[in-house]
PDB file of N, CA and C in Angstrom:
ATOM      1  N   MET A   1      12.864  12.990   0.177  1.00  0.00           N
ATOM      2  CA  MET A   1      11.719  12.161   0.530  1.00  0.00           C
ATOM      3  C   MET A   1      11.629  11.827   1.871  1.00  0.00           C
ATOM      4  N   HIS A   2      10.772  11.352   2.649  1.00  0.00           N
ATOM      5  CA  HIS A   2      10.269  11.144   4.070  1.00  0.00           C
ATOM      6  C   HIS A   2      10.744   9.671   4.001  1.00  0.00           C
ATOM      7  N   LYS A   3      11.401   8.862   4.799  1.00  0.00           N
ATOM      8  CA  LYS A   3      10.930   7.458   4.870  1.00  0.00           C
ATOM      9  C   LYS A   3      10.523   7.479   6.519  1.00  0.00           C
ATOM     10  N   LEU A   4       9.425   6.516   6.757  1.00  0.00           N
ATOM     11  CA  LEU A   4       9.347   6.584   8.305  1.00  0.00           C
ATOM     12  C   LEU A   4       9.994   5.272   9.040  1.00  0.00           C
ATOM     13  N   PRO A   5      10.028   5.414  10.186  1.00  0.00           N
ATOM     14  CA  PRO A   5      11.133   3.666  10.845  1.00  0.00           C
ATOM     15  C   PRO A   5      11.130   2.616   9.789  1.00  0.00           C
ATOM     16  N   PRO A   6      11.807   1.779  10.132  1.00  0.00           N
ATOM     17  CA  PRO A   6      11.803   0.399   9.535  1.00  0.00           C
ATOM     18  C   PRO A   6      10.698   0.225  10.159  1.00  0.00           C
ATOM     19  N   ARG A   7      10.518  -1.217   9.346  1.00  0.00           N
ATOM     20  CA  ARG A   7       9.183  -2.292   9.488  1.00  0.00           C
ATOM     21  C   ARG A   7       9.859  -2.835  11.120  1.00  0.00           C
ATOM     22  N   ARG A   8       8.924  -3.768  11.667  1.00  0.00           N
ATOM     23  CA  ARG A   8       9.016  -4.441  12.732  1.00  0.00           C
ATOM     24  C   ARG A   8       8.974  -5.328  12.257  1.00  0.00           C
ATOM     25  N   GLY A   9       9.252  -6.669  13.071  1.00  0.00           N
ATOM     26  CA  GLY A   9       9.533  -7.965  13.109  1.00  0.00           C
ATOM     27  C   GLY A   9       8.274  -8.338  12.130  1.00  0.00           C
ATOM     28  N   SER A  10       7.360  -7.961  12.759  1.00  0.00           N
ATOM     29  CA  SER A  10       6.131  -8.719  12.783  1.00  0.00           C
ATOM     30  C   SER A  10       5.494  -8.092  11.248  1.00  0.00           C
ATOM     31  N   GLU A  11       5.896  -6.876  10.779  1.00  0.00           N
ATOM     32  CA  GLU A  11       5.331  -6.039   9.522  1.00  0.00           C
ATOM     33  C   GLU A  11       6.081  -7.232   8.742  1.00  0.00           C
ATOM     34  N   VAL A  12       7.118  -7.285   8.706  1.00  0.00           N
ATOM     35  CA  VAL A  12       8.108  -8.161   7.608  1.00  0.00           C
ATOM     36  C   VAL A  12       7.408  -9.527   7.318  1.00  0.00           C
ATOM     37  N   SER A  13       6.960  -9.853   8.516  1.00  0.00           N
ATOM     38  CA  SER A  13       6.387 -11.303   7.959  1.00  0.00           C
ATOM     39  C   SER A  13       4.987 -11.427   7.684  1.00  0.00           C
ATOM     40  N   ARG A  14       4.563 -10.421   7.761  1.00  0.00           N
ATOM     41  CA  ARG A  14       2.998 -10.490   7.024  1.00  0.00           C
ATOM     42  C   ARG A  14       3.326 -10.108   6.034  1.00  0.00           C
ATOM     43  N   VAL A  15       4.117  -9.279   5.623  1.00  0.00           N
ATOM     44  CA  VAL A  15       4.469  -8.881   4.130  1.00  0.00           C
ATOM     45  C   VAL A  15       4.828 -10.627   3.089  1.00  0.00           C
ATOM     46  N   ASN A  16       5.922 -11.005   3.762  1.00  0.00           N
ATOM     47  CA  ASN A  16       6.087 -12.612   2.933  1.00  0.00           C
ATOM     48  C   ASN A  16       5.124 -13.112   3.105  1.00  0.00           C
ATOM     49  N   MET A  17       3.927 -13.295   3.956  1.00  0.00           N
ATOM     50  CA  MET A  17       3.466 -14.270   3.908  1.00  0.00           C
ATOM     51  C   MET A  17       1.731 -13.681   3.406  1.00  0.00           C
ATOM     52  N   ALA A  18       1.565 -12.267   3.134  1.00  0.00           N
ATOM     53  CA  ALA A  18       0.813 -12.485   2.003  1.00  0.00           C
ATOM     54  C   ALA A  18       0.598 -12.349   0.538  1.00  0.00           C
ATOM     55  N   SER A  19      -0.632 -13.278   0.290  1.00  0.00           N
ATOM     56  CA  SER A  19      -0.813 -13.700  -0.976  1.00  0.00           C
ATOM     57  C   SER A  19      -0.913 -12.190  -1.755  1.00  0.00           C
ATOM     58  N   LEU A  20      -0.869 -10.971  -1.440  1.00  0.00           N
ATOM     59  CA  LEU A  20      -1.166 -10.004  -2.581  1.00  0.00           C
ATOM     60  C   LEU A  20      -0.235  -8.459  -1.630  1.00  0.00           C
ATOM     61  N   ILE A  21       0.362  -8.676  -2.595  1.00  0.00           N
ATOM     62  CA  ILE A  21       0.981  -6.954  -2.357  1.00  0.00           C
ATOM     63  C   ILE A  21       1.067  -6.268  -3.288  1.00  0.00           C
ATOM     64  N   ALA A  22       0.648  -4.839  -3.166  1.00  0.00           N
ATOM     65  CA  ALA A  22       0.233  -3.595  -3.844  1.00  0.00           C
ATOM     66  C   ALA A  22       1.204  -2.334  -3.261  1.00  0.00           C
ATOM     67  N   PHE A  23       1.425  -1.360  -4.811  1.00  0.00           N
ATOM     68  CA  PHE A  23       1.660  -0.205  -4.279  1.00  0.00           C
ATOM     69  C   PHE A  23       0.497   0.955  -4.061  1.00  0.00           C
ATOM     70  N   VAL A  24       0.360   1.775  -3.251  1.00  0.00           N
ATOM     71  CA  VAL A  24      -0.603   2.498  -3.625  1.00  0.00           C
ATOM     72  C   VAL A  24      -0.537   4.023  -3.340  1.00  0.00           C
ATOM     73  N   SER A  25      -0.620   4.545  -4.205  1.00  0.00           N
ATOM     74  CA  SER A  25       0.093   6.047  -4.467  1.00  0.00           C
ATOM     75  C   SER A  25      -1.105   6.933  -4.337  1.00  0.00           C
ATOM     76  N   ILE A  26      -0.887   8.148  -3.254  1.00  0.00           N
ATOM     77  CA  ILE A  26      -2.178   8.989  -3.088  1.00  0.00           C
ATOM     78  C   ILE A  26      -1.848  10.364  -3.092  1.00  0.00           C
ATOM     79  N   PHE A  27      -2.710  10.670  -3.817  1.00  0.00           N
ATOM     80  CA  PHE A  27      -2.953  12.312  -3.903  1.00  0.00           C
ATOM     81  C   PHE A  27      -3.605  13.081  -2.828  1.00  0.00           C
ATOM     82  N   VAL A  28      -3.239  13.396  -2.307  1.00  0.00           N
ATOM     83  CA  VAL A  28      -3.953  13.877  -1.035  1.00  0.00           C
ATOM     84  C   VAL A  28      -4.029  15.533  -0.759  1.00  0.00           C
ATOM     85  N   GLU A  29      -5.198  16.739  -0.119  1.00  0.00           N
ATOM     86  CA  GLU A  29      -4.995  17.875  -0.298  1.00  0.00           C
ATOM     87  C   GLU A  29      -4.193  18.227   0.693  1.00  0.00           C
ATOM     88  N   SER A  30      -3.768  18.834   0.062  1.00  0.00           N
ATOM     89  CA  SER A  30      -1.835  19.689   1.022  1.00  0.00           C
ATOM     90  C   SER A  30      -2.699  20.170   2.781  1.00  0.00           C
ATOM     91  N   PRO A  31      -3.453  20.633   3.268  1.00  0.00           N
ATOM     92  CA  PRO A  31      -3.336  21.037   4.193  1.00  0.00           C
ATOM     93  C   PRO A  31      -3.948  20.110   5.195  1.00  0.00           C
ATOM     94  N   TYR A  32      -3.980  18.291   4.854  1.00  0.00           N
ATOM     95  CA  TYR A  32      -4.403  17.033   5.246  1.00  0.00           C
ATOM     96  C   TYR A  32      -2.866  16.442   5.507  1.00  0.00           C
ATOM     97  N   MET A  33      -1.621  16.963   5.518  1.00  0.00           N
ATOM     98  CA  MET A  33      -1.135  15.568   5.057  1.00  0.00           C
ATOM     99  C   MET A  33      -0.559  15.231   6.065  1.00  0.00           C
ATOM    100  N   ASP A  34      -0.247  15.702   7.328  1.00  0.00           N
ATOM    101  CA  ASP A  34       0.476  15.306   8.387  1.00  0.00           C
ATOM    102  C   ASP A  34      -0.717  14.467   8.822  1.00  0.00           C
ATOM    103  N   ASP A  35      -2.298  14.732   8.961  1.00  0.00           N
ATOM    104  CA  ASP A  35      -3.484  14.292   9.254  1.00  0.00           C
ATOM    105  C   ASP A  35      -3.422  12.618   8.877  1.00  0.00           C
ATOM    106  N   VAL A  36      -3.283  12.805   7.466  1.00  0.00           N
ATOM    107  CA  VAL A  36      -3.386  11.623   6.435  1.00  0.00           C
ATOM    108  C   VAL A  36      -1.876  10.674   6.764  1.00  0.00           C
ATOM    109  N   VAL A  37      -1.306  11.241   7.211  1.00  0.00           N
ATOM    110  CA  VAL A  37       0.315  10.144   6.849  1.00  0.00           C
ATOM    111  C   VAL A  37      -0.286   9.650   8.704  1.00  0.00           C
ATOM    112  N   GLN A  38      -0.737  10.612   9.815  1.00  0.00           N
ATOM    113  CA  GLN A  38      -0.827   9.705  10.802  1.00  0.00           C
ATOM    114  C   GLN A  38      -1.753   8.621  10.733  1.00  0.00           C
ATOM    115  N   ALA A  39      -3.107   8.924   9.573  1.00  0.00           N
ATOM    116  CA  ALA A  39      -4.129   7.902   9.780  1.00  0.00           C
ATOM    117  C   ALA A  39      -3.854   6.666   8.897  1.00  0.00           C
ATOM    118  N   LEU A  40      -3.458   6.567   7.946  1.00  0.00           N
ATOM    119  CA  LEU A  40      -2.383   5.520   7.221  1.00  0.00           C
ATOM    120  C   LEU A  40      -1.729   4.812   7.608  1.00  0.00           C
ATOM    121  N   SER A  41      -0.394   5.359   8.698  1.00  0.00           N
ATOM    122  CA  SER A  41       0.165   4.781   9.862  1.00  0.00           C
ATOM    123  C   SER A  41      -0.263   3.535  10.953  1.00  0.00           C
ATOM    124  N   ARG A  42      -1.505   4.183  11.295  1.00  0.00           N
ATOM    125  CA  ARG A  42      -2.144   3.480  11.973  1.00  0.00           C
ATOM    126  C   ARG A  42      -2.727   2.302  11.293  1.00  0.00           C
ATOM    127  N   LEU A  43      -2.592   1.758  10.094  1.00  0.00           N
ATOM    128  CA  LEU A  43      -3.672   0.453   9.386  1.00  0.00           C
ATOM    129  C   LEU A  43      -2.850   0.067   9.278  1.00  0.00           C
ATOM    130  N   ASP A  44      -3.128  -1.324   9.899  1.00  0.00           N
ATOM    131  CA  ASP A  44      -2.782  -2.609   9.830  1.00  0.00           C
ATOM    132  C   ASP A  44      -2.269  -3.182   8.999  1.00  0.00           C
ATOM    133  N   LYS A  45      -2.611  -3.425   7.381  1.00  0.00           N
ATOM    134  CA  LYS A  45      -2.516  -3.520   6.528  1.00  0.00           C
ATOM    135  C   LYS A  45      -1.192  -2.752   5.514  1.00  0.00           C
ATOM    136  N   VAL A  46      -1.152  -1.562   6.049  1.00  0.00           N
ATOM    137  CA  VAL A  46      -0.303  -0.710   5.073  1.00  0.00           C
ATOM    138  C   VAL A  46       1.055  -0.856   5.905  1.00  0.00           C
ATOM    139  N   VAL A  47       1.995  -1.529   5.163  1.00  0.00           N
ATOM    140  CA  VAL A  47       3.069  -2.032   5.884  1.00  0.00           C
ATOM    141  C   VAL A  47       4.470  -0.918   5.767  1.00  0.00           C
ATOM    142  N   ASP A  48       4.116  -0.225   4.026  1.00  0.00           N
ATOM    143  CA  ASP A  48       5.202   0.969   4.319  1.00  0.00           C
ATOM    144  C   ASP A  48       4.349   2.295   3.861  1.00  0.00           C
ATOM    145  N   LEU A  49       4.557   3.108   4.090  1.00  0.00           N
ATOM    146  CA  LEU A  49       4.455   4.483   4.072  1.00  0.00           C
ATOM    147  C   LEU A  49       5.717   5.682   3.595  1.00  0.00           C
ATOM    148  N   TYR A  50       5.279   5.811   2.686  1.00  0.00           N
ATOM    149  CA  TYR A  50       6.517   7.099   1.940  1.00  0.00           C
ATOM    150  C   TYR A  50       5.922   8.801   1.828  1.00  0.00           C
ATOM    151  N   GLU A  51       6.195   9.825   2.203  1.00  0.00           N
ATOM    152  CA  GLU A  51       5.778  10.732   1.606  1.00  0.00           C
ATOM    153  C   GLU A  51       6.785  10.960   0.457  1.00  0.00           C
ATOM    154  N   VAL A  52       6.273  11.502  -0.928  1.00  0.00           N
ATOM    155  CA  VAL A  52       7.181  11.057  -2.303  1.00  0.00           C
ATOM    156  C   VAL A  52       7.540  13.012  -2.704  1.00  0.00           C
ATOM    157  N   THR A  53       7.940  12.621  -3.673  1.00  0.00           N
ATOM    158  CA  THR A  53       7.793  14.272  -4.524  1.00  0.00           C
ATOM    159  C   THR A  53       7.503  13.259  -5.713  1.00  0.00           C
ATOM    160  N   GLY A  54       7.439  14.779  -6.799  1.00  0.00           N
ATOM    161  CA  GLY A  54       6.628  14.063  -7.794  1.00  0.00           C
ATOM    162  C   GLY A  54       5.198  14.358  -7.913  1.00  0.00           C
ATOM    163  N   GLU A  55       4.649  12.855  -8.761  1.00  0.00           N
ATOM    164  CA  GLU A  55       3.498  12.735  -9.142  1.00  0.00           C
ATOM    165  C   GLU A  55       2.448  12.842  -7.940  1.00  0.00           C
ATOM    166  N   PHE A  56       2.501  11.953  -7.176  1.00  0.00           N
ATOM    167  CA  PHE A  56       1.815  11.870  -6.037  1.00  0.00           C
ATOM    168  C   PHE A  56       2.586  11.919  -4.890  1.00  0.00           C
ATOM    169  N   ASP A  57       1.894  12.329  -3.864  1.00  0.00           N
ATOM    170  CA  ASP A  57       2.260  12.877  -2.225  1.00  0.00           C
ATOM    171  C   ASP A  57       2.701  11.318  -1.792  1.00  0.00           C
ATOM    172  N   ILE A  58       1.855  10.706  -1.249  1.00  0.00           N
ATOM    173  CA  ILE A  58       2.231   9.041  -0.711  1.00  0.00           C
ATOM    174  C   ILE A  58       2.388   7.960  -1.589  1.00  0.00           C
ATOM    175  N   VAL A  59       3.236   7.794  -1.392  1.00  0.00           N
ATOM    176  CA  VAL A  59       2.810   5.827  -2.128  1.00  0.00           C
ATOM    177  C   VAL A  59       3.542   4.852  -0.666  1.00  0.00           C
ATOM    178  N   THR A  60       2.639   3.877  -0.667  1.00  0.00           N
ATOM    179  CA  THR A  60       2.498   3.321   0.534  1.00  0.00           C
ATOM    180  C   THR A  60       2.481   1.894  -0.372  1.00  0.00           C
ATOM    181  N   VAL A  61       3.103   0.798   0.750  1.00  0.00           N
ATOM    182  CA  VAL A  61       2.910  -0.768   0.404  1.00  0.00           C
ATOM    183  C   VAL A  61       1.550  -1.367   1.172  1.00  0.00           C
ATOM    184  N   VAL A  62       1.240  -2.228   0.844  1.00  0.00           N
ATOM    185  CA  VAL A  62      -0.182  -2.526   1.491  1.00  0.00           C
ATOM    186  C   VAL A  62      -0.289  -3.891   1.232  1.00  0.00           C
ATOM    187  N   SER A  63      -0.460  -4.702   2.626  1.00  0.00           N
ATOM    188  CA  SER A  63      -0.325  -6.237   2.229  1.00  0.00           C
ATOM    189  C   SER A  63      -1.758  -6.838   2.806  1.00  0.00           C
ATOM    190  N   ALA A  64      -2.076  -7.448   1.901  1.00  0.00           N
ATOM    191  CA  ALA A  64      -4.118  -8.208   1.616  1.00  0.00           C
ATOM    192  C   ALA A  64      -3.116  -9.864   1.559  1.00  0.00           C
ATOM    193  N   SER A  65      -4.256 -10.976   1.971  1.00  0.00           N
ATOM    194  CA  SER A  65      -4.680 -11.742   2.015  1.00  0.00           C
ATOM    195  C   SER A  65      -5.134 -12.693   0.143  1.00  0.00           C
ATOM    196  N   ASP A  66      -6.026 -11.561   0.247  1.00  0.00           N
ATOM    197  CA  ASP A  66      -6.705 -11.991  -1.615  1.00  0.00           C
ATOM    198  C   ASP A  66      -6.943 -10.229  -2.015  1.00  0.00           C
ATOM    199  N   ILE A  67      -7.336 -10.185  -2.885  1.00  0.00           N
ATOM    200  CA  ILE A  67      -8.025  -9.193  -3.809  1.00  0.00           C
ATOM    201  C   ILE A  67      -8.981  -8.638  -3.284  1.00  0.00           C
ATOM    202  N   GLU A  68      -9.795  -9.293  -2.680  1.00  0.00           N
ATOM    203  CA  GLU A  68     -11.274  -8.715  -1.499  1.00  0.00           C
ATOM    204  C   GLU A  68     -10.784  -8.043  -0.584  1.00  0.00           C
ATOM    205  N   GLU A  69      -9.747  -8.704  -0.080  1.00  0.00           N
ATOM    206  CA  GLU A  69      -9.191  -7.917   1.371  1.00  0.00           C
ATOM    207  C   GLU A  69      -8.390  -6.720   0.654  1.00  0.00           C
ATOM    208  N   PHE A  70      -7.976  -6.634  -0.249  1.00  0.00           N
ATOM    209  CA  PHE A  70      -7.439  -5.308  -0.916  1.00  0.00           C
ATOM    210  C   PHE A  70      -8.144  -4.499  -0.904  1.00  0.00           C
ATOM    211  N   ARG A  71      -8.995  -4.560  -1.747  1.00  0.00           N
ATOM    212  CA  ARG A  71     -10.050  -3.746  -2.426  1.00  0.00           C
ATOM    213  C   ARG A  71     -11.132  -3.219  -1.148  1.00  0.00           C
ATOM    214  N   ASP A  72     -11.232  -4.073   0.199  1.00  0.00           N
ATOM    215  CA  ASP A  72     -11.693  -3.105   1.118  1.00  0.00           C
ATOM    216  C   ASP A  72     -10.778  -2.754   2.040  1.00  0.00           C
ATOM    217  N   VAL A  73      -9.435  -2.955   1.952  1.00  0.00           N
ATOM    218  CA  VAL A  73      -8.746  -1.436   2.941  1.00  0.00           C
ATOM    219  C   VAL A  73      -8.650  -0.891   1.887  1.00  0.00           C
ATOM    220  N   LEU A  74      -8.860  -0.583   0.642  1.00  0.00           N
ATOM    221  CA  LEU A  74      -8.531   0.718  -0.133  1.00  0.00           C
ATOM    222  C   LEU A  74      -9.876   1.392  -0.216  1.00  0.00           C
ATOM    223  N   LYS A  75     -10.817   0.934  -0.444  1.00  0.00           N
ATOM    224  CA  LYS A  75     -12.516   1.360  -0.527  1.00  0.00           C
ATOM    225  C   LYS A  75     -13.214   1.775   0.867  1.00  0.00           C
ATOM    226  N   ASN A  76     -12.703   0.755   2.071  1.00  0.00           N
ATOM    227  CA  ASN A  76     -12.847   1.415   3.460  1.00  0.00           C
ATOM    228  C   ASN A  76     -12.544   2.017   4.414  1.00  0.00           C
ATOM    229  N   LYS A  77     -10.914   1.805   4.180  1.00  0.00           N
ATOM    230  CA  LYS A  77     -10.059   2.431   5.053  1.00  0.00           C
ATOM    231  C   LYS A  77      -9.488   3.482   4.448  1.00  0.00           C
ATOM    232  N   ILE A  78      -8.158   3.286   3.427  1.00  0.00           N
ATOM    233  CA  ILE A  78      -7.740   4.682   2.790  1.00  0.00           C
ATOM    234  C   ILE A  78      -8.322   5.500   2.158  1.00  0.00           C
ATOM    235  N   MET A  79      -9.394   4.975   1.508  1.00  0.00           N
ATOM    236  CA  MET A  79     -10.374   6.295   0.643  1.00  0.00           C
ATOM    237  C   MET A  79     -10.812   7.115   1.904  1.00  0.00           C
ATOM    238  N   LYS A  80     -11.543   6.570   2.997  1.00  0.00           N
ATOM    239  CA  LYS A  80     -12.008   6.754   3.645  1.00  0.00           C
ATOM    240  C   LYS A  80     -11.499   8.348   5.028  1.00  0.00           C
ATOM    241  N   VAL A  81      -9.971   8.337   4.578  1.00  0.00           N
ATOM    242  CA  VAL A  81      -8.886   9.041   5.259  1.00  0.00           C
ATOM    243  C   VAL A  81      -9.556  10.486   4.887  1.00  0.00           C
ATOM    244  N   LYS A  82      -9.600  11.513   6.070  1.00  0.00           N
ATOM    245  CA  LYS A  82     -10.073  12.917   5.354  1.00  0.00           C
ATOM    246  C   LYS A  82      -9.055  13.877   4.829  1.00  0.00           C
ATOM    247  N   GLY A  83      -9.152  14.112   3.644  1.00  0.00           N
ATOM    248  CA  GLY A  83      -7.982  14.787   3.331  1.00  0.00           C
ATOM    249  C   GLY A  83      -6.921  13.601   1.720  1.00  0.00           C
ATOM    250  N   VAL A  84      -7.782  12.134   2.014  1.00  0.00           N
ATOM    251  CA  VAL A  84      -7.033  11.617   0.942  1.00  0.00           C
ATOM    252  C   VAL A  84      -8.015  11.684  -1.058  1.00  0.00           C
ATOM    253  N   LYS A  85      -7.600  12.312  -1.765  1.00  0.00           N
ATOM    254  CA  LYS A  85      -8.509  12.924  -2.983  1.00  0.00           C
ATOM    255  C   LYS A  85      -8.362  12.111  -3.621  1.00  0.00           C
ATOM    256  N   SER A  86      -7.449  11.214  -3.965  1.00  0.00           N
ATOM    257  CA  SER A  86      -7.789   9.759  -4.673  1.00  0.00           C
ATOM    258  C   SER A  86      -5.998   9.163  -4.882  1.00  0.00           C
ATOM    259  N   THR A  87      -6.284   7.863  -5.641  1.00  0.00           N
ATOM    260  CA  THR A  87      -5.080   6.637  -5.608  1.00  0.00           C
ATOM    261  C   THR A  87      -5.291   5.586  -6.844  1.00  0.00           C
ATOM    262  N   VAL A  88      -3.540   5.827  -7.100  1.00  0.00           N
ATOM    263  CA  VAL A  88      -3.741   4.602  -8.184  1.00  0.00           C
ATOM    264  C   VAL A  88      -2.688   3.474  -7.597  1.00  0.00           C
ATOM    265  N   SER A  89      -3.475   2.413  -8.363  1.00  0.00           N
ATOM    266  CA  SER A  89      -2.800   1.119  -7.390  1.00  0.00           C
ATOM    267  C   SER A  89      -2.146   0.372  -8.689  1.00  0.00           C
ATOM    268  N   SER A  90      -1.076  -0.153  -8.299  1.00  0.00           N
ATOM    269  CA  SER A  90      -0.306  -1.006  -8.704  1.00  0.00           C
ATOM    270  C   SER A  90       0.197  -2.495  -7.751  1.00  0.00           C
ATOM    271  N   ILE A  91      -0.507  -3.736  -8.401  1.00  0.00           N
ATOM    272  CA  ILE A  91      -0.349  -4.866  -7.882  1.00  0.00           C
ATOM    273  C   ILE A  91       0.685  -5.778  -8.155  1.00  0.00           C
ATOM    274  N   VAL A  92       1.601  -6.312  -7.183  1.00  0.00           N
ATOM    275  CA  VAL A  92       2.927  -6.900  -7.366  1.00  0.00           C
ATOM    276  C   VAL A  92       2.788  -7.968  -7.848  1.00  0.00           C
ATOM    277  N   LEU A  93       3.325  -8.178  -9.302  1.00  0.00           N
ATOM    278  CA  LEU A  93       2.862  -9.766  -9.656  1.00  0.00           C
ATOM    279  C   LEU A  93       4.353 -10.560  -9.377  1.00  0.00           C
ATOM    280  N   LYS A  94       5.534 -10.356  -9.470  1.00  0.00           N
ATOM    281  CA  LYS A  94       6.748 -10.791  -8.805  1.00  0.00           C
ATOM    282  C   LYS A  94       7.488  -9.905  -8.662  1.00  0.00           C
ATOM    283  N   THR A  95       8.188 -10.009  -7.097  1.00  0.00           N
ATOM    284  CA  THR A  95       9.438  -9.221  -6.478  1.00  0.00           C
ATOM    285  C   THR A  95      10.542 -10.231  -7.245  1.00  0.00           C
ATOM    286  N   HIS A  96      10.955  -9.403  -7.732  1.00  0.00           N
ATOM    287  CA  HIS A  96      13.038  -9.747  -8.757  1.00  0.00           C
ATOM    288  C   HIS A  96      14.175  -9.637  -7.004  1.00  0.00           C
ATOM    289  N   LYS A  97      13.763  -8.486  -6.857  1.00  0.00           N
ATOM    290  CA  LYS A  97      14.840  -7.946  -5.819  1.00  0.00           C
ATOM    291  C   LYS A  97      14.293  -7.248  -4.812  1.00  0.00           C
ATOM    292  N   GLY A  98      14.517  -7.553  -3.595  1.00  0.00           N
ATOM    293  CA  GLY A  98      14.013  -6.393  -2.058  1.00  0.00           C
ATOM    294  C   GLY A  98      13.364  -7.944  -1.221  1.00  0.00           C
ATOM    295  N   SER A  99      12.780  -7.740  -0.027  1.00  0.00           N
ATOM    296  CA  SER A  99      12.059  -8.483   0.662  1.00  0.00           C
ATOM    297  C   SER A  99      11.069  -9.438  -0.133  1.00  0.00           C
ATOM    298  N   GLY A 100      11.138 -10.790  -0.078  1.00  0.00           N
ATOM    299  CA  GLY A 100      10.293 -11.701  -0.633  1.00  0.00           C
ATOM    300  C   GLY A 100      10.816 -12.020  -2.196  1.00  0.00           C
ATOM    301  N   SER A 101      12.094 -11.596  -2.289  1.00  0.00           N
ATOM    302  CA  SER A 101      12.327 -11.568  -3.822  1.00  0.00           C
ATOM    303  C   SER A 101      12.760 -12.686  -4.542  1.00  0.00           C
ATOM    304  N   ASN A 102      12.237 -13.979  -3.426  1.00  0.00           N
ATOM    305  CA  ASN A 102      12.723 -15.565  -3.869  1.00  0.00           C
ATOM    306  C   ASN A 102      10.889 -16.153  -4.697  1.00  0.00           C
ATOM    307  N   GLY A 103       9.808 -14.635  -4.696  1.00  0.00           N
ATOM    308  CA  GLY A 103       8.977 -15.209  -5.559  1.00  0.00           C
ATOM    309  C   GLY A 103       7.917 -15.710  -4.661  1.00  0.00           C
ATOM    310  N   ASP A 104       8.168 -15.968  -3.314  1.00  0.00           N
ATOM    311  CA  ASP A 104       7.263 -16.222  -2.361  1.00  0.00           C
ATOM    312  C   ASP A 104       5.673 -15.543  -2.154  1.00  0.00           C
ATOM    313  N   ILE A 105       6.190 -14.266  -2.498  1.00  0.00           N
ATOM    314  CA  ILE A 105       5.102 -13.639  -2.350  1.00  0.00           C
ATOM    315  C   ILE A 105       3.630 -13.409  -2.384  1.00  0.00           C
ATOM    316  N   LEU A 106       3.214 -14.453  -3.860  1.00  0.00           N
ATOM    317  CA  LEU A 106       2.108 -14.581  -4.594  1.00  0.00           C
ATOM    318  C   LEU A 106       2.288 -15.618  -4.777  1.00  0.00           C
ATOM    319  N   ASN A 107       0.932 -16.168  -4.724  1.00  0.00           N
ATOM    320  CA  ASN A 107       1.090 -18.174  -5.608  1.00  0.00           C
ATOM    321  C   ASN A 107      -0.232 -17.702  -6.580  1.00  0.00           C
ATOM    322  N   ALA A 108       0.078 -19.349  -7.341  1.00  0.00           N
ATOM    323  CA  ALA A 108      -0.583 -18.983  -8.921  1.00  0.00           C
ATOM    324  C   ALA A 108      -1.950 -18.099  -8.954  1.00  0.00           C
ATOM    325  N   THR A 109      -2.767 -18.643  -7.771  1.00  0.00           N
ATOM    326  CA  THR A 109      -3.847 -18.506  -7.758  1.00  0.00           C
ATOM    327  C   THR A 109      -4.488 -16.709  -7.466  1.00  0.00           C
ATOM    328  N   SER A 110      -3.053 -15.973  -7.072  1.00  0.00           N
ATOM    329  CA  SER A 110      -3.018 -14.892  -6.961  1.00  0.00           C
ATOM    330  C   SER A 110      -2.324 -13.852  -7.766  1.00  0.00           C
ATOM    331  N   ALA A 111      -2.216 -14.273  -8.564  1.00  0.00           N
ATOM    332  CA  ALA A 111      -1.005 -13.608  -9.576  1.00  0.00           C
ATOM    333  C   ALA A 111      -2.102 -13.253 -10.846  1.00  0.00           C
ATOM    334  N   VAL A 112      -2.208 -11.877 -10.385  1.00  0.00           N
ATOM    335  CA  VAL A 112      -3.120 -11.328 -11.405  1.00  0.00           C
ATOM    336  C   VAL A 112      -2.554  -9.442 -12.096  1.00  0.00           C
ATOM    337  N   ALA A 113      -2.748  -9.062 -12.988  1.00  0.00           N
ATOM    338  CA  ALA A 113      -2.138  -7.896 -13.385  1.00  0.00           C
ATOM    339  C   ALA A 113      -3.485  -7.245 -13.340  1.00  0.00           C
ATOM    340  N   ALA A 114      -2.664  -5.803 -12.511  1.00  0.00           N
ATOM    341  CA  ALA A 114      -3.704  -4.987 -11.580  1.00  0.00           C
ATOM    342  C   ALA A 114      -2.962  -3.694 -11.951  1.00  0.00           C
ATOM    343  N   SER A 115      -3.516  -2.327 -12.213  1.00  0.00           N
ATOM    344  CA  SER A 115      -3.197  -0.701 -12.226  1.00  0.00           C
ATOM    345  C   SER A 115      -4.247  -0.488 -12.523  1.00  0.00           C
ATOM    346  N   PHE A 116      -5.028   0.389 -11.439  1.00  0.00           N
ATOM    347  CA  PHE A 116      -6.275   0.892 -11.169  1.00  0.00           C
ATOM    348  C   PHE A 116      -6.219   2.130 -10.581  1.00  0.00           C
ATOM    349  N   SER A 117      -6.976   3.324 -10.573  1.00  0.00           N
ATOM    350  CA  SER A 117      -7.343   4.760  -9.977  1.00  0.00           C
ATOM    351  C   SER A 117      -8.710   4.314  -9.279  1.00  0.00           C
ATOM    352  N   HIS A 118      -8.766   5.683  -8.220  1.00  0.00           N
ATOM    353  CA  HIS A 118      -9.599   5.217  -7.180  1.00  0.00           C
ATOM    354  C   HIS A 118      -9.913   6.923  -7.259  1.00  0.00           C
ATOM    355  N   ARG A 119     -10.896   7.453  -7.719  1.00  0.00           N
ATOM    356  CA  ARG A 119     -11.461   8.678  -7.029  1.00  0.00           C
ATOM    357  C   ARG A 119     -12.502   8.978  -6.348  1.00  0.00           C
ATOM    358  N   LYS A 120     -12.210   9.827  -5.359  1.00  0.00           N
ATOM    359  CA  LYS A 120     -13.761  10.065  -4.363  1.00  0.00           C
ATOM    360  C   LYS A 120     -14.508  10.757  -5.103  1.00  0.00           C
TER     361      LYS A 120
END
């Protein structure tokens, strides 16, 4: 598994102040792996990016202010990257351990249960 360099300070604060955090697992067309990684790493709302083994090719952590912004990032940015075949997203309900484990990542109005797939 390949992990990109640690988050910079501003990225950490964006995650902690976000109302919505989601894990977006991505299937990639093999010839485009490096291009997809580079494109995703430039997206402001993608705060963590991992190339992984297993069912998916890439797992990202996406920070958004609300579900509408998350939908926009997924539909109009991630899914538009050449080489991205499909995604499976899981929205964080509560963090029990890790950055933001004090439970402040989500507020009551954004505590939604969701896991969904998106294909081109």
